[in-house]
Amino acid sequence: MKVEQKDDRGFVVSFDLNGKEYLGIFTKEGVTRAGHVHPYSQTNYLIEGKMIVYYEEYLQNYEAPCVIQIGPNIFHKFFATADSMMIERKNL
């Protein structure tokens, strides 16, 4: 496991499991993450907390435990409405 980022927003760690890359993302309440588009889909497992995900044309509220699927080439950003922990997998 490697610490990728640690700052006022929280922290991000990366790890490999069965040849697939994962991120563990802890986000403090009131913080926004991402705000980007990428060419692959991703799966996020919200294991603790609450998030609002802003997509291109709408927003969706999520509460742990749940799975958040994001398709390729879809703008998305996450806003934590409570301290939150997600596991993210890139579906390359």
C-alpha atoms as a PDB file:
ATOM      1  CA  MET A   1       0.000   0.000   0.000  1.00  0.00           C
ATOM      2  CA  LYS A   2       1.315   3.413  -0.968  1.00  0.00           C
ATOM      3  CA  VAL A   3       0.168   6.843   0.226  1.00  0.00           C
ATOM      4  CA  GLU A   4      -0.619   8.812  -2.929  1.00  0.00           C
ATOM      5  CA  GLN A   5      -1.885  12.010  -1.345  1.00  0.00           C
ATOM      6  CA  LYS A   6      -2.512  13.422   2.116  1.00  0.00           C
ATOM      7  CA  ASP A   7      -3.764  16.958   2.718  1.00  0.00           C
ATOM      8  CA  ASP A   8      -6.616  18.960   4.269  1.00  0.00           C
ATOM      9  CA  ARG A   9      -9.159  17.009   2.171  1.00  0.00           C
ATOM     10  CA  GLY A  10      -8.142  13.635   3.625  1.00  0.00           C
ATOM     11  CA  PHE A  11      -5.899  10.981   2.084  1.00  0.00           C
ATOM     12  CA  VAL A  12      -5.594   8.548  -0.821  1.00  0.00           C
ATOM     13  CA  VAL A  13      -3.734   5.234  -0.789  1.00  0.00           C
ATOM     14  CA  SER A  14      -3.156   2.860  -3.708  1.00  0.00           C
ATOM     15  CA  PHE A  15      -2.880  -0.899  -3.625  1.00  0.00           C
ATOM     16  CA  ASP A  16      -2.893  -3.851  -5.987  1.00  0.00           C
ATOM     17  CA  LEU A  17      -5.189  -6.837  -5.567  1.00  0.00           C
ATOM     18  CA  ASN A  18      -5.073  -9.773  -7.985  1.00  0.00           C
ATOM     19  CA  GLY A  19      -3.363  -7.621 -10.600  1.00  0.00           C
ATOM     20  CA  LYS A  20      -5.918  -4.794 -10.450  1.00  0.00           C
ATOM     21  CA  GLU A  21      -5.225  -1.266  -9.214  1.00  0.00           C
ATOM     22  CA  TYR A  22      -7.394   0.123  -6.404  1.00  0.00           C
ATOM     23  CA  LEU A  23      -7.500   3.380  -4.470  1.00  0.00           C
ATOM     24  CA  GLY A  24      -8.634   3.852  -0.886  1.00  0.00           C
ATOM     25  CA  ILE A  25      -9.994   7.396  -0.605  1.00  0.00           C
ATOM     26  CA  PHE A  26     -10.837   9.030   2.730  1.00  0.00           C
ATOM     27  CA  THR A  27     -12.594  12.370   2.282  1.00  0.00           C
ATOM     28  CA  LYS A  28     -13.506  14.788   5.048  1.00  0.00           C
ATOM     29  CA  GLU A  29     -17.013  16.222   5.305  1.00  0.00           C
ATOM     30  CA  GLY A  30     -17.491  19.309   3.126  1.00  0.00           C
ATOM     31  CA  VAL A  31     -14.754  18.415   0.639  1.00  0.00           C
ATOM     32  CA  THR A  32     -15.043  17.963  -3.145  1.00  0.00           C
ATOM     33  CA  ARG A  33     -12.875  15.494  -5.067  1.00  0.00           C
ATOM     34  CA  ALA A  34     -12.365  14.758  -8.758  1.00  0.00           C
ATOM     35  CA  GLY A  35     -14.188  17.004 -11.226  1.00  0.00           C
ATOM     36  CA  HIS A  36     -12.868  15.251 -14.309  1.00  0.00           C
ATOM     37  CA  VAL A  37     -13.522  12.886 -17.206  1.00  0.00           C
ATOM     38  CA  HIS A  38     -11.522   9.807 -18.210  1.00  0.00           C
ATOM     39  CA  PRO A  39     -11.783   7.247 -21.022  1.00  0.00           C
ATOM     40  CA  TYR A  40     -12.460   4.234 -18.779  1.00  0.00           C
ATOM     41  CA  SER A  41     -15.314   3.299 -16.467  1.00  0.00           C
ATOM     42  CA  GLN A  42     -14.795   3.066 -12.736  1.00  0.00           C
ATOM     43  CA  THR A  43     -16.487   1.404  -9.798  1.00  0.00           C
ATOM     44  CA  ASN A  44     -16.545   3.063  -6.386  1.00  0.00           C
ATOM     45  CA  TYR A  45     -17.518   1.223  -3.220  1.00  0.00           C
ATOM     46  CA  LEU A  46     -18.716   3.752  -0.640  1.00  0.00           C
ATOM     47  CA  ILE A  47     -18.017   1.861   2.571  1.00  0.00           C
ATOM     48  CA  GLU A  48     -18.549   4.681   5.061  1.00  0.00           C
ATOM     49  CA  GLY A  49     -20.221   8.089   4.956  1.00  0.00           C
ATOM     50  CA  LYS A  50     -22.357  10.027   2.487  1.00  0.00           C
ATOM     51  CA  MET A  51     -21.575  11.543  -0.908  1.00  0.00           C
ATOM     52  CA  ILE A  52     -23.258  13.625  -3.555  1.00  0.00           C
ATOM     53  CA  VAL A  53     -21.963  12.743  -7.001  1.00  0.00           C
ATOM     54  CA  TYR A  54     -22.302  15.443  -9.640  1.00  0.00           C
ATOM     55  CA  TYR A  55     -22.574  14.043 -13.156  1.00  0.00           C
ATOM     56  CA  GLU A  56     -22.798  15.908 -16.462  1.00  0.00           C
ATOM     57  CA  GLU A  57     -26.487  16.725 -16.193  1.00  0.00           C
ATOM     58  CA  TYR A  58     -27.657  15.641 -12.743  1.00  0.00           C
ATOM     59  CA  LEU A  59     -26.593  14.809  -9.202  1.00  0.00           C
ATOM     60  CA  GLN A  60     -27.190  11.733  -7.079  1.00  0.00           C
ATOM     61  CA  ASN A  61     -27.061  11.242  -3.301  1.00  0.00           C
ATOM     62  CA  TYR A  62     -25.380   8.097  -1.971  1.00  0.00           C
ATOM     63  CA  GLU A  63     -25.099   6.661   1.530  1.00  0.00           C
ATOM     64  CA  ALA A  64     -22.824   3.811   2.598  1.00  0.00           C
ATOM     65  CA  PRO A  65     -22.768   0.981   1.995  1.00  0.00           C
ATOM     66  CA  CYS A  66     -23.322   1.216  -1.755  1.00  0.00           C
ATOM     67  CA  VAL A  67     -21.718   0.863  -5.172  1.00  0.00           C
ATOM     68  CA  ILE A  68     -21.282   3.852  -7.496  1.00  0.00           C
ATOM     69  CA  GLN A  69     -20.736   3.018 -11.178  1.00  0.00           C
ATOM     70  CA  ILE A  70     -19.363   5.697 -13.514  1.00  0.00           C
ATOM     71  CA  GLY A  71     -19.165   5.076 -17.242  1.00  0.00           C
ATOM     72  CA  PRO A  72     -16.348   6.152 -19.543  1.00  0.00           C
ATOM     73  CA  ASN A  73     -16.176   9.762 -20.698  1.00  0.00           C
ATOM     74  CA  ILE A  74     -18.680  10.924 -18.030  1.00  0.00           C
ATOM     75  CA  PHE A  75     -17.858  14.081 -16.061  1.00  0.00           C
ATOM     76  CA  HIS A  76     -18.067  13.401 -12.325  1.00  0.00           C
ATOM     77  CA  LYS A  77     -17.099  14.901  -8.994  1.00  0.00           C
ATOM     78  CA  PHE A  78     -17.734  13.791  -5.441  1.00  0.00           C
ATOM     79  CA  PHE A  79     -18.859  15.999  -2.545  1.00  0.00           C
ATOM     80  CA  ALA A  80     -18.673  14.456   0.932  1.00  0.00           C
ATOM     81  CA  THR A  81     -21.667  15.365   3.102  1.00  0.00           C
ATOM     82  CA  ALA A  82     -20.073  13.336   5.938  1.00  0.00           C
ATOM     83  CA  ASP A  83     -16.580  11.938   6.530  1.00  0.00           C
ATOM     84  CA  SER A  84     -16.421   9.200   3.890  1.00  0.00           C
ATOM     85  CA  MET A  85     -14.327   6.245   2.783  1.00  0.00           C
ATOM     86  CA  MET A  86     -14.424   4.780  -0.736  1.00  0.00           C
ATOM     87  CA  ILE A  87     -12.583   2.048  -2.540  1.00  0.00           C
ATOM     88  CA  GLU A  88     -12.168   2.885  -6.234  1.00  0.00           C
ATOM     89  CA  ARG A  89     -11.394   0.460  -9.048  1.00  0.00           C
ATOM     90  CA  LYS A  90     -10.521   1.534 -12.555  1.00  0.00           C
ATOM     91  CA  ASN A  91     -12.187  -0.768 -15.078  1.00  0.00           C
ATOM     92  CA  LEU A  92      -9.484  -0.696 -17.756  1.00  0.00           C
END
